[in-house]
Amino acid sequence: MTASKMDRKAQFHRRTLIDDGFGMVESWAPHGQPVWALRADISDGERWRAGEVAAHVTSRFQVRSTEFTRGIDPRDRIECEGESFNIVGVKQAAGRRQLIEITASRRTDQ
């Protein structure tokens, strides 16, 4: 894969707990610097075979493997082009420590 294919900026977010004066509430804050990513939406046929019926979009993001991106996991979120995705899977995508593939989804019916 060439760098020119990674044409979108993606920002990771990490969940934090903050005290709102009444108790601890969940908040999401930017985690690290934005990274270049390749985004590919999963086809409807692939989603159908997986038995998914909710109104949402599932996408795969590929980012360069760095110490930072290897630390991303399903507890984090990814934001790309103003859309926030919940991460459902992270795996090594190409040769040893070259690319990380992140599978993420977002609801479209809310």
PDB file of N, CA and C in Angstrom:
ATOM      1  N   MET A   1       0.840  -1.176   0.000  1.00  0.00           N
ATOM      2  CA  MET A   1       0.000   0.000   0.000  1.00  0.00           C
ATOM      3  C   MET A   1       0.882   1.236   0.000  1.00  0.00           C
ATOM      4  N   THR A   2       0.512   2.215  -0.786  1.00  0.00           N
ATOM      5  CA  THR A   2       1.277   3.449  -0.841  1.00  0.00           C
ATOM      6  C   THR A   2       0.648   4.489   0.071  1.00  0.00           C
ATOM      7  N   ALA A   3       1.447   5.446   0.464  1.00  0.00           N
ATOM      8  CA  ALA A   3       0.960   6.486   1.359  1.00  0.00           C
ATOM      9  C   ALA A   3      -0.163   7.296   0.725  1.00  0.00           C
ATOM     10  N   SER A   4      -0.183   7.404  -0.603  1.00  0.00           N
ATOM     11  CA  SER A   4      -1.219   8.195  -1.272  1.00  0.00           C
ATOM     12  C   SER A   4      -2.607   7.592  -1.084  1.00  0.00           C
ATOM     13  N   LYS A   5      -2.716   6.304  -0.793  1.00  0.00           N
ATOM     14  CA  LYS A   5      -4.022   5.678  -0.566  1.00  0.00           C
ATOM     15  C   LYS A   5      -4.603   6.085   0.791  1.00  0.00           C
ATOM     16  N   MET A   6      -3.758   6.450   1.721  1.00  0.00           N
ATOM     17  CA  MET A   6      -4.216   6.898   3.039  1.00  0.00           C
ATOM     18  C   MET A   6      -4.552   8.381   2.924  1.00  0.00           C
ATOM     19  N   ASP A   7      -5.800   8.644   2.547  1.00  0.00           N
ATOM     20  CA  ASP A   7      -6.183   9.997   2.192  1.00  0.00           C
ATOM     21  C   ASP A   7      -7.122  10.675   3.187  1.00  0.00           C
ATOM     22  N   ARG A   8      -7.301  10.095   4.355  1.00  0.00           N
ATOM     23  CA  ARG A   8      -8.208  10.680   5.346  1.00  0.00           C
ATOM     24  C   ARG A   8      -7.500  10.794   6.686  1.00  0.00           C
ATOM     25  N   LYS A   9      -7.790  11.873   7.385  1.00  0.00           N
ATOM     26  CA  LYS A   9      -7.249  12.057   8.727  1.00  0.00           C
ATOM     27  C   LYS A   9      -8.214  11.424   9.725  1.00  0.00           C
ATOM     28  N   ALA A  10      -7.684  10.654  10.629  1.00  0.00           N
ATOM     29  CA  ALA A  10      -8.489  10.006  11.658  1.00  0.00           C
ATOM     30  C   ALA A  10      -7.940  10.406  13.024  1.00  0.00           C
ATOM     31  N   GLN A  11      -8.848  10.687  13.939  1.00  0.00           N
ATOM     32  CA  GLN A  11      -8.476  11.052  15.310  1.00  0.00           C
ATOM     33  C   GLN A  11      -9.020   9.980  16.253  1.00  0.00           C
ATOM     34  N   PHE A  12      -8.160   9.446  17.089  1.00  0.00           N
ATOM     35  CA  PHE A  12      -8.612   8.482  18.086  1.00  0.00           C
ATOM     36  C   PHE A  12      -9.087   9.229  19.316  1.00  0.00           C
ATOM     37  N   HIS A  13     -10.053   8.633  20.004  1.00  0.00           N
ATOM     38  CA  HIS A  13     -10.583   9.192  21.251  1.00  0.00           C
ATOM     39  C   HIS A  13     -10.536   8.104  22.301  1.00  0.00           C
ATOM     40  N   ARG A  14     -10.207   8.498  23.512  1.00  0.00           N
ATOM     41  CA  ARG A  14     -10.144   7.552  24.628  1.00  0.00           C
ATOM     42  C   ARG A  14     -11.140   7.999  25.692  1.00  0.00           C
ATOM     43  N   ARG A  15     -11.816   7.008  26.257  1.00  0.00           N
ATOM     44  CA  ARG A  15     -12.814   7.264  27.286  1.00  0.00           C
ATOM     45  C   ARG A  15     -12.118   7.674  28.584  1.00  0.00           C
ATOM     46  N   THR A  16     -12.665   8.706  29.191  1.00  0.00           N
ATOM     47  CA  THR A  16     -12.184   9.144  30.494  1.00  0.00           C
ATOM     48  C   THR A  16     -13.396   9.345  31.394  1.00  0.00           C
ATOM     49  N   LEU A  17     -13.172   9.312  32.667  1.00  0.00           N
ATOM     50  CA  LEU A  17     -14.229   9.597  33.632  1.00  0.00           C
ATOM     51  C   LEU A  17     -13.950  10.961  34.233  1.00  0.00           C
ATOM     52  N   ILE A  18     -14.958  11.815  34.234  1.00  0.00           N
ATOM     53  CA  ILE A  18     -14.806  13.143  34.822  1.00  0.00           C
ATOM     54  C   ILE A  18     -15.881  13.340  35.875  1.00  0.00           C
ATOM     55  N   ASP A  19     -15.587  14.182  36.845  1.00  0.00           N
ATOM     56  CA  ASP A  19     -16.538  14.500  37.904  1.00  0.00           C
ATOM     57  C   ASP A  19     -17.339  15.715  37.454  1.00  0.00           C
ATOM     58  N   ASP A  20     -18.653  15.541  37.254  1.00  0.00           N
ATOM     59  CA  ASP A  20     -19.498  16.657  36.814  1.00  0.00           C
ATOM     60  C   ASP A  20     -20.159  17.377  37.988  1.00  0.00           C
ATOM     61  N   GLY A  21     -19.711  17.101  39.198  1.00  0.00           N
ATOM     62  CA  GLY A  21     -20.291  17.725  40.387  1.00  0.00           C
ATOM     63  C   GLY A  21     -21.340  16.848  41.046  1.00  0.00           C
ATOM     64  N   PHE A  22     -21.868  15.906  40.312  1.00  0.00           N
ATOM     65  CA  PHE A  22     -22.871  14.978  40.848  1.00  0.00           C
ATOM     66  C   PHE A  22     -22.315  13.567  40.941  1.00  0.00           C
ATOM     67  N   GLY A  23     -21.258  13.313  40.228  1.00  0.00           N
ATOM     68  CA  GLY A  23     -20.661  11.984  40.197  1.00  0.00           C
ATOM     69  C   GLY A  23     -19.750  11.858  38.992  1.00  0.00           C
ATOM     70  N   MET A  24     -19.242  10.668  38.796  1.00  0.00           N
ATOM     71  CA  MET A  24     -18.339  10.420  37.678  1.00  0.00           C
ATOM     72  C   MET A  24     -19.161  10.083  36.434  1.00  0.00           C
ATOM     73  N   VAL A  25     -18.873  10.773  35.335  1.00  0.00           N
ATOM     74  CA  VAL A  25     -19.560  10.521  34.069  1.00  0.00           C
ATOM     75  C   VAL A  25     -18.514  10.234  32.986  1.00  0.00           C
ATOM     76  N   GLU A  26     -18.946   9.499  31.978  1.00  0.00           N
ATOM     77  CA  GLU A  26     -18.070   9.137  30.871  1.00  0.00           C
ATOM     78  C   GLU A  26     -17.929  10.298  29.903  1.00  0.00           C
ATOM     79  N   SER A  27     -16.717  10.522  29.453  1.00  0.00           N
ATOM     80  CA  SER A  27     -16.432  11.555  28.460  1.00  0.00           C
ATOM     81  C   SER A  27     -15.379  10.998  27.509  1.00  0.00           C
ATOM     82  N   TRP A  28     -15.367  11.496  26.292  1.00  0.00           N
ATOM     83  CA  TRP A  28     -14.383  11.063  25.295  1.00  0.00           C
ATOM     84  C   TRP A  28     -13.479  12.237  24.971  1.00  0.00           C
ATOM     85  N   ALA A  29     -12.179  12.004  25.015  1.00  0.00           N
ATOM     86  CA  ALA A  29     -11.204  13.058  24.744  1.00  0.00           C
ATOM     87  C   ALA A  29     -10.247  12.598  23.655  1.00  0.00           C
ATOM     88  N   PRO A  30      -9.761  13.533  22.824  1.00  0.00           N
ATOM     89  CA  PRO A  30      -8.793  13.156  21.795  1.00  0.00           C
ATOM     90  C   PRO A  30      -7.602  12.432  22.422  1.00  0.00           C
ATOM     91  N   HIS A  31      -7.139  11.405  21.727  1.00  0.00           N
ATOM     92  CA  HIS A  31      -6.017  10.583  22.201  1.00  0.00           C
ATOM     93  C   HIS A  31      -4.954  10.594  21.114  1.00  0.00           C
ATOM     94  N   GLY A  32      -3.820  11.200  21.393  1.00  0.00           N
ATOM     95  CA  GLY A  32      -2.747  11.289  20.407  1.00  0.00           C
ATOM     96  C   GLY A  32      -3.063  12.288  19.304  1.00  0.00           C
ATOM     97  N   GLN A  33      -2.197  12.319  18.325  1.00  0.00           N
ATOM     98  CA  GLN A  33      -2.360  13.200  17.172  1.00  0.00           C
ATOM     99  C   GLN A  33      -3.149  12.483  16.078  1.00  0.00           C
ATOM    100  N   PRO A  34      -3.852  13.242  15.209  1.00  0.00           N
ATOM    101  CA  PRO A  34      -4.530  12.593  14.078  1.00  0.00           C
ATOM    102  C   PRO A  34      -3.523  11.830  13.216  1.00  0.00           C
ATOM    103  N   VAL A  35      -3.997  10.738  12.608  1.00  0.00           N
ATOM    104  CA  VAL A  35      -3.139   9.918  11.739  1.00  0.00           C
ATOM    105  C   VAL A  35      -3.805   9.789  10.373  1.00  0.00           C
ATOM    106  N   TRP A  36      -2.981   9.536   9.342  1.00  0.00           N
ATOM    107  CA  TRP A  36      -3.514   9.280   8.010  1.00  0.00           C
ATOM    108  C   TRP A  36      -4.064   7.868   7.964  1.00  0.00           C
ATOM    109  N   ALA A  37      -5.224   7.706   7.312  1.00  0.00           N
ATOM    110  CA  ALA A  37      -5.879   6.396   7.266  1.00  0.00           C
ATOM    111  C   ALA A  37      -6.524   6.158   5.908  1.00  0.00           C
ATOM    112  N   LEU A  38      -6.696   4.896   5.605  1.00  0.00           N
ATOM    113  CA  LEU A  38      -7.475   4.453   4.456  1.00  0.00           C
ATOM    114  C   LEU A  38      -8.777   3.908   5.039  1.00  0.00           C
ATOM    115  N   ARG A  39      -9.920   4.375   4.525  1.00  0.00           N
ATOM    116  CA  ARG A  39     -11.219   3.903   5.010  1.00  0.00           C
ATOM    117  C   ARG A  39     -11.939   3.153   3.895  1.00  0.00           C
ATOM    118  N   ALA A  40     -12.456   1.972   4.227  1.00  0.00           N
ATOM    119  CA  ALA A  40     -13.249   1.190   3.288  1.00  0.00           C
ATOM    120  C   ALA A  40     -14.477   0.681   4.022  1.00  0.00           C
ATOM    121  N   ASP A  41     -15.667   1.031   3.514  1.00  0.00           N
ATOM    122  CA  ASP A  41     -16.901   0.554   4.121  1.00  0.00           C
ATOM    123  C   ASP A  41     -17.108  -0.911   3.748  1.00  0.00           C
ATOM    124  N   ILE A  42     -17.609  -1.687   4.695  1.00  0.00           N
ATOM    125  CA  ILE A  42     -17.896  -3.098   4.459  1.00  0.00           C
ATOM    126  C   ILE A  42     -19.179  -3.188   3.650  1.00  0.00           C
ATOM    127  N   SER A  43     -19.201  -4.073   2.681  1.00  0.00           N
ATOM    128  CA  SER A  43     -20.362  -4.199   1.793  1.00  0.00           C
ATOM    129  C   SER A  43     -21.584  -4.714   2.538  1.00  0.00           C
ATOM    130  N   ASP A  44     -22.772  -4.391   2.015  1.00  0.00           N
ATOM    131  CA  ASP A  44     -24.006  -4.871   2.620  1.00  0.00           C
ATOM    132  C   ASP A  44     -24.063  -6.398   2.619  1.00  0.00           C
ATOM    133  N   GLY A  45     -23.572  -7.038   1.570  1.00  0.00           N
ATOM    134  CA  GLY A  45     -23.570  -8.493   1.507  1.00  0.00           C
ATOM    135  C   GLY A  45     -22.735  -9.100   2.620  1.00  0.00           C
ATOM    136  N   GLU A  46     -21.608  -8.479   2.908  1.00  0.00           N
ATOM    137  CA  GLU A  46     -20.747  -8.965   3.984  1.00  0.00           C
ATOM    138  C   GLU A  46     -21.443  -8.803   5.332  1.00  0.00           C
ATOM    139  N   ARG A  47     -22.132  -7.695   5.516  1.00  0.00           N
ATOM    140  CA  ARG A  47     -22.866  -7.468   6.759  1.00  0.00           C
ATOM    141  C   ARG A  47     -24.031  -8.447   6.875  1.00  0.00           C
ATOM    142  N   TRP A  48     -24.730  -8.717   5.767  1.00  0.00           N
ATOM    143  CA  TRP A  48     -25.858  -9.635   5.785  1.00  0.00           C
ATOM    144  C   TRP A  48     -25.409 -11.033   6.190  1.00  0.00           C
ATOM    145  N   ARG A  49     -24.282 -11.480   5.631  1.00  0.00           N
ATOM    146  CA  ARG A  49     -23.763 -12.809   5.972  1.00  0.00           C
ATOM    147  C   ARG A  49     -23.374 -12.880   7.443  1.00  0.00           C
ATOM    148  N   ALA A  50     -23.015 -11.755   8.027  1.00  0.00           N
ATOM    149  CA  ALA A  50     -22.644 -11.727   9.447  1.00  0.00           C
ATOM    150  C   ALA A  50     -23.877 -11.652  10.341  1.00  0.00           C
ATOM    151  N   GLY A  51     -25.062 -11.531   9.761  1.00  0.00           N
ATOM    152  CA  GLY A  51     -26.305 -11.521  10.533  1.00  0.00           C
ATOM    153  C   GLY A  51     -26.629 -10.183  11.178  1.00  0.00           C
ATOM    154  N   GLU A  52     -26.090  -9.100  10.665  1.00  0.00           N
ATOM    155  CA  GLU A  52     -26.336  -7.786  11.235  1.00  0.00           C
ATOM    156  C   GLU A  52     -27.622  -7.199  10.661  1.00  0.00           C
ATOM    157  N   VAL A  53     -28.478  -6.613  11.550  1.00  0.00           N
ATOM    158  CA  VAL A  53     -29.737  -6.052  11.083  1.00  0.00           C
ATOM    159  C   VAL A  53     -29.941  -4.598  11.503  1.00  0.00           C
ATOM    160  N   ALA A  54     -29.145  -4.073  12.405  1.00  0.00           N
ATOM    161  CA  ALA A  54     -29.309  -2.689  12.861  1.00  0.00           C
ATOM    162  C   ALA A  54     -28.865  -1.715  11.772  1.00  0.00           C
ATOM    163  N   ALA A  55     -29.397  -0.490  11.855  1.00  0.00           N
ATOM    164  CA  ALA A  55     -29.034   0.543  10.886  1.00  0.00           C
ATOM    165  C   ALA A  55     -27.699   1.166  11.300  1.00  0.00           C
ATOM    166  N   HIS A  56     -26.633   0.665  10.726  1.00  0.00           N
ATOM    167  CA  HIS A  56     -25.322   1.220  11.012  1.00  0.00           C
ATOM    168  C   HIS A  56     -24.377   0.967   9.846  1.00  0.00           C
ATOM    169  N   VAL A  57     -23.266   1.669   9.889  1.00  0.00           N
ATOM    170  CA  VAL A  57     -22.215   1.531   8.879  1.00  0.00           C
ATOM    171  C   VAL A  57     -21.009   0.907   9.561  1.00  0.00           C
ATOM    172  N   THR A  58     -20.457  -0.120   8.947  1.00  0.00           N
ATOM    173  CA  THR A  58     -19.224  -0.719   9.445  1.00  0.00           C
ATOM    174  C   THR A  58     -18.125  -0.424   8.442  1.00  0.00           C
ATOM    175  N   SER A  59     -17.003   0.037   8.949  1.00  0.00           N
ATOM    176  CA  SER A  59     -15.879   0.417   8.092  1.00  0.00           C
ATOM    177  C   SER A  59     -14.600  -0.217   8.598  1.00  0.00           C
ATOM    178  N   ARG A  60     -13.666  -0.379   7.679  1.00  0.00           N
ATOM    179  CA  ARG A  60     -12.328  -0.822   8.046  1.00  0.00           C
ATOM    180  C   ARG A  60     -11.375   0.325   7.758  1.00  0.00           C
ATOM    181  N   PHE A  61     -10.558   0.618   8.743  1.00  0.00           N
ATOM    182  CA  PHE A  61      -9.538   1.654   8.610  1.00  0.00           C
ATOM    183  C   PHE A  61      -8.182   0.978   8.646  1.00  0.00           C
ATOM    184  N   GLN A  62      -7.289   1.407   7.766  1.00  0.00           N
ATOM    185  CA  GLN A  62      -5.907   0.945   7.838  1.00  0.00           C
ATOM    186  C   GLN A  62      -5.032   2.147   8.130  1.00  0.00           C
ATOM    187  N   VAL A  63      -4.157   1.983   9.115  1.00  0.00           N
ATOM    188  CA  VAL A  63      -3.218   3.025   9.517  1.00  0.00           C
ATOM    189  C   VAL A  63      -1.834   2.393   9.608  1.00  0.00           C
ATOM    190  N   ARG A  64      -0.840   3.223   9.519  1.00  0.00           N
ATOM    191  CA  ARG A  64       0.529   2.718   9.662  1.00  0.00           C
ATOM    192  C   ARG A  64       0.728   2.204  11.087  1.00  0.00           C
ATOM    193  N   SER A  65       1.466   1.132  11.200  1.00  0.00           N
ATOM    194  CA  SER A  65       1.758   0.560  12.511  1.00  0.00           C
ATOM    195  C   SER A  65       2.870   1.369  13.171  1.00  0.00           C
ATOM    196  N   THR A  66       2.533   1.975  14.303  1.00  0.00           N
ATOM    197  CA  THR A  66       3.502   2.710  15.113  1.00  0.00           C
ATOM    198  C   THR A  66       3.299   2.276  16.559  1.00  0.00           C
ATOM    199  N   GLU A  67       4.167   2.675  17.415  1.00  0.00           N
ATOM    200  CA  GLU A  67       3.993   2.348  18.836  1.00  0.00           C
ATOM    201  C   GLU A  67       2.637   2.854  19.321  1.00  0.00           C
ATOM    202  N   PHE A  68       2.243   4.039  18.879  1.00  0.00           N
ATOM    203  CA  PHE A  68       0.954   4.614  19.279  1.00  0.00           C
ATOM    204  C   PHE A  68      -0.216   3.789  18.741  1.00  0.00           C
ATOM    205  N   THR A  69      -0.247   3.510  17.433  1.00  0.00           N
ATOM    206  CA  THR A  69      -1.403   2.810  16.861  1.00  0.00           C
ATOM    207  C   THR A  69      -1.490   1.362  17.344  1.00  0.00           C
ATOM    208  N   ARG A  70      -0.369   0.755  17.702  1.00  0.00           N
ATOM    209  CA  ARG A  70      -0.425  -0.603  18.258  1.00  0.00           C
ATOM    210  C   ARG A  70      -1.076  -0.609  19.643  1.00  0.00           C
ATOM    211  N   GLY A  71      -1.215   0.547  20.270  1.00  0.00           N
ATOM    212  CA  GLY A  71      -1.852   0.655  21.580  1.00  0.00           C
ATOM    213  C   GLY A  71      -3.352   0.920  21.514  1.00  0.00           C
ATOM    214  N   ILE A  72      -3.897   1.071  20.311  1.00  0.00           N
ATOM    215  CA  ILE A  72      -5.334   1.300  20.135  1.00  0.00           C
ATOM    216  C   ILE A  72      -6.065  -0.016  20.336  1.00  0.00           C
ATOM    217  N   ASP A  73      -7.218   0.038  21.006  1.00  0.00           N
ATOM    218  CA  ASP A  73      -7.994  -1.182  21.220  1.00  0.00           C
ATOM    219  C   ASP A  73      -9.489  -0.866  21.209  1.00  0.00           C
ATOM    220  N   PRO A  74     -10.353  -1.879  21.322  1.00  0.00           N
ATOM    221  CA  PRO A  74     -11.804  -1.655  21.227  1.00  0.00           C
ATOM    222  C   PRO A  74     -12.405  -0.760  22.318  1.00  0.00           C
ATOM    223  N   ARG A  75     -11.647  -0.409  23.313  1.00  0.00           N
ATOM    224  CA  ARG A  75     -12.157   0.545  24.305  1.00  0.00           C
ATOM    225  C   ARG A  75     -12.102   1.979  23.789  1.00  0.00           C
ATOM    226  N   ASP A  76     -11.406   2.189  22.668  1.00  0.00           N
ATOM    227  CA  ASP A  76     -11.248   3.523  22.081  1.00  0.00           C
ATOM    228  C   ASP A  76     -12.290   3.743  20.988  1.00  0.00           C
ATOM    229  N   ARG A  77     -12.333   4.965  20.475  1.00  0.00           N
ATOM    230  CA  ARG A  77     -13.166   5.325  19.324  1.00  0.00           C
ATOM    231  C   ARG A  77     -12.278   5.956  18.274  1.00  0.00           C
ATOM    232  N   ILE A  78     -12.801   6.006  17.046  1.00  0.00           N
ATOM    233  CA  ILE A  78     -12.087   6.675  15.965  1.00  0.00           C
ATOM    234  C   ILE A  78     -13.057   7.658  15.309  1.00  0.00           C
ATOM    235  N   GLU A  79     -12.574   8.853  15.037  1.00  0.00           N
ATOM    236  CA  GLU A  79     -13.381   9.863  14.358  1.00  0.00           C
ATOM    237  C   GLU A  79     -12.728  10.167  13.020  1.00  0.00           C
ATOM    238  N   CYS A  80     -13.558  10.148  11.973  1.00  0.00           N
ATOM    239  CA  CYS A  80     -13.062  10.403  10.626  1.00  0.00           C
ATOM    240  C   CYS A  80     -14.111  11.209   9.875  1.00  0.00           C
ATOM    241  N   GLU A  81     -13.720  12.342   9.346  1.00  0.00           N
ATOM    242  CA  GLU A  81     -14.598  13.219   8.575  1.00  0.00           C
ATOM    243  C   GLU A  81     -15.886  13.554   9.331  1.00  0.00           C
ATOM    244  N   GLY A  82     -15.753  13.852  10.621  1.00  0.00           N
ATOM    245  CA  GLY A  82     -16.880  14.281  11.435  1.00  0.00           C
ATOM    246  C   GLY A  82     -17.774  13.154  11.928  1.00  0.00           C
ATOM    247  N   GLU A  83     -17.434  11.907  11.629  1.00  0.00           N
ATOM    248  CA  GLU A  83     -18.233  10.761  12.064  1.00  0.00           C
ATOM    249  C   GLU A  83     -17.455   9.977  13.116  1.00  0.00           C
ATOM    250  N   SER A  84     -18.143   9.606  14.198  1.00  0.00           N
ATOM    251  CA  SER A  84     -17.513   8.882  15.285  1.00  0.00           C
ATOM    252  C   SER A  84     -17.889   7.406  15.213  1.00  0.00           C
ATOM    253  N   PHE A  85     -16.883   6.536  15.261  1.00  0.00           N
ATOM    254  CA  PHE A  85     -17.062   5.098  15.142  1.00  0.00           C
ATOM    255  C   PHE A  85     -16.599   4.402  16.417  1.00  0.00           C
ATOM    256  N   ASN A  86     -17.347   3.388  16.844  1.00  0.00           N
ATOM    257  CA  ASN A  86     -16.913   2.528  17.940  1.00  0.00           C
ATOM    258  C   ASN A  86     -16.024   1.442  17.356  1.00  0.00           C
ATOM    259  N   ILE A  87     -14.860   1.251  17.932  1.00  0.00           N
ATOM    260  CA  ILE A  87     -13.926   0.238  17.448  1.00  0.00           C
ATOM    261  C   ILE A  87     -14.370  -1.127  17.945  1.00  0.00           C
ATOM    262  N   VAL A  88     -14.482  -2.070  17.015  1.00  0.00           N
ATOM    263  CA  VAL A  88     -14.890  -3.427  17.393  1.00  0.00           C
ATOM    264  C   VAL A  88     -13.766  -4.443  17.217  1.00  0.00           C
ATOM    265  N   GLY A  89     -12.711  -4.090  16.516  1.00  0.00           N
ATOM    266  CA  GLY A  89     -11.598  -5.011  16.341  1.00  0.00           C
ATOM    267  C   GLY A  89     -10.354  -4.315  15.831  1.00  0.00           C
ATOM    268  N   VAL A  90      -9.199  -4.802  16.261  1.00  0.00           N
ATOM    269  CA  VAL A  90      -7.910  -4.261  15.829  1.00  0.00           C
ATOM    270  C   VAL A  90      -7.001  -5.449  15.553  1.00  0.00           C
ATOM    271  N   LYS A  91      -6.344  -5.432  14.375  1.00  0.00           N
ATOM    272  CA  LYS A  91      -5.425  -6.521  14.061  1.00  0.00           C
ATOM    273  C   LYS A  91      -4.314  -6.028  13.150  1.00  0.00           C
ATOM    274  N   GLN A  92      -3.255  -6.798  13.097  1.00  0.00           N
ATOM    275  CA  GLN A  92      -2.162  -6.517  12.184  1.00  0.00           C
ATOM    276  C   GLN A  92      -2.638  -6.846  10.778  1.00  0.00           C
ATOM    277  N   ALA A  93      -2.447  -5.936   9.823  1.00  0.00           N
ATOM    278  CA  ALA A  93      -3.021  -6.115   8.484  1.00  0.00           C
ATOM    279  C   ALA A  93      -2.020  -6.603   7.449  1.00  0.00           C
ATOM    280  N   ALA A  94      -0.811  -6.172   7.514  1.00  0.00           N
ATOM    281  CA  ALA A  94       0.176  -6.551   6.500  1.00  0.00           C
ATOM    282  C   ALA A  94       1.459  -6.911   7.229  1.00  0.00           C
ATOM    283  N   GLY A  95       2.423  -7.404   6.511  1.00  0.00           N
ATOM    284  CA  GLY A  95       3.695  -7.803   7.087  1.00  0.00           C
ATOM    285  C   GLY A  95       3.959  -7.296   8.489  1.00  0.00           C
ATOM    286  N   ARG A  96       4.925  -7.825   9.073  1.00  0.00           N
ATOM    287  CA  ARG A  96       5.238  -7.522  10.467  1.00  0.00           C
ATOM    288  C   ARG A  96       5.363  -6.023  10.714  1.00  0.00           C
ATOM    289  N   ARG A  97       4.453  -5.524  11.525  1.00  0.00           N
ATOM    290  CA  ARG A  97       4.461  -4.118  11.979  1.00  0.00           C
ATOM    291  C   ARG A  97       4.462  -3.100  10.849  1.00  0.00           C
ATOM    292  N   GLN A  98       3.681  -3.356   9.800  1.00  0.00           N
ATOM    293  CA  GLN A  98       3.560  -2.375   8.731  1.00  0.00           C
ATOM    294  C   GLN A  98       2.241  -1.625   8.816  1.00  0.00           C
ATOM    295  N   LEU A  99       1.115  -2.364   8.883  1.00  0.00           N
ATOM    296  CA  LEU A  99      -0.202  -1.740   8.922  1.00  0.00           C
ATOM    297  C   LEU A  99      -1.040  -2.343  10.040  1.00  0.00           C
ATOM    298  N   ILE A 100      -1.915  -1.523  10.581  1.00  0.00           N
ATOM    299  CA  ILE A 100      -2.904  -1.955  11.560  1.00  0.00           C
ATOM    300  C   ILE A 100      -4.264  -1.783  10.900  1.00  0.00           C
ATOM    301  N   GLU A 101      -5.122  -2.801  11.003  1.00  0.00           N
ATOM    302  CA  GLU A 101      -6.481  -2.716  10.479  1.00  0.00           C
ATOM    303  C   GLU A 101      -7.456  -2.592  11.641  1.00  0.00           C
ATOM    304  N   ILE A 102      -8.296  -1.573  11.570  1.00  0.00           N
ATOM    305  CA  ILE A 102      -9.265  -1.303  12.626  1.00  0.00           C
ATOM    306  C   ILE A 102     -10.656  -1.429  12.042  1.00  0.00           C
ATOM    307  N   THR A 103     -11.454  -2.305  12.613  1.00  0.00           N
ATOM    308  CA  THR A 103     -12.844  -2.453  12.202  1.00  0.00           C
ATOM    309  C   THR A 103     -13.678  -1.661  13.189  1.00  0.00           C
ATOM    310  N   ALA A 104     -14.553  -0.798  12.664  1.00  0.00           N
ATOM    311  CA  ALA A 104     -15.326   0.090  13.523  1.00  0.00           C
ATOM    312  C   ALA A 104     -16.724   0.296  12.933  1.00  0.00           C
ATOM    313  N   SER A 105     -17.679   0.627  13.794  1.00  0.00           N
ATOM    314  CA  SER A 105     -19.050   0.846  13.296  1.00  0.00           C
ATOM    315  C   SER A 105     -19.656   2.060  13.973  1.00  0.00           C
ATOM    316  N   ARG A 106     -20.664   2.593  13.295  1.00  0.00           N
ATOM    317  CA  ARG A 106     -21.411   3.728  13.843  1.00  0.00           C
ATOM    318  C   ARG A 106     -22.883   3.555  13.489  1.00  0.00           C
ATOM    319  N   ARG A 107     -23.741   4.009  14.369  1.00  0.00           N
ATOM    320  CA  ARG A 107     -25.180   3.949  14.131  1.00  0.00           C
ATOM    321  C   ARG A 107     -25.578   5.044  13.153  1.00  0.00           C
ATOM    322  N   THR A 108     -26.522   4.736  12.263  1.00  0.00           N
ATOM    323  CA  THR A 108     -27.019   5.732  11.316  1.00  0.00           C
ATOM    324  C   THR A 108     -28.474   6.078  11.575  1.00  0.00           C
ATOM    325  N   ASP A 109     -29.088   5.430  12.557  1.00  0.00           N
ATOM    326  CA  ASP A 109     -30.516   5.647  12.820  1.00  0.00           C
ATOM    327  C   ASP A 109     -30.773   6.432  14.095  1.00  0.00           C
ATOM    328  N   GLN A 110     -29.774   7.161  14.570  1.00  0.00           N
ATOM    329  CA  GLN A 110     -29.959   7.945  15.790  1.00  0.00           C
ATOM    330  C   GLN A 110     -29.913   9.418  15.488  1.00  0.00           C
TER     331      GLN A 110
END
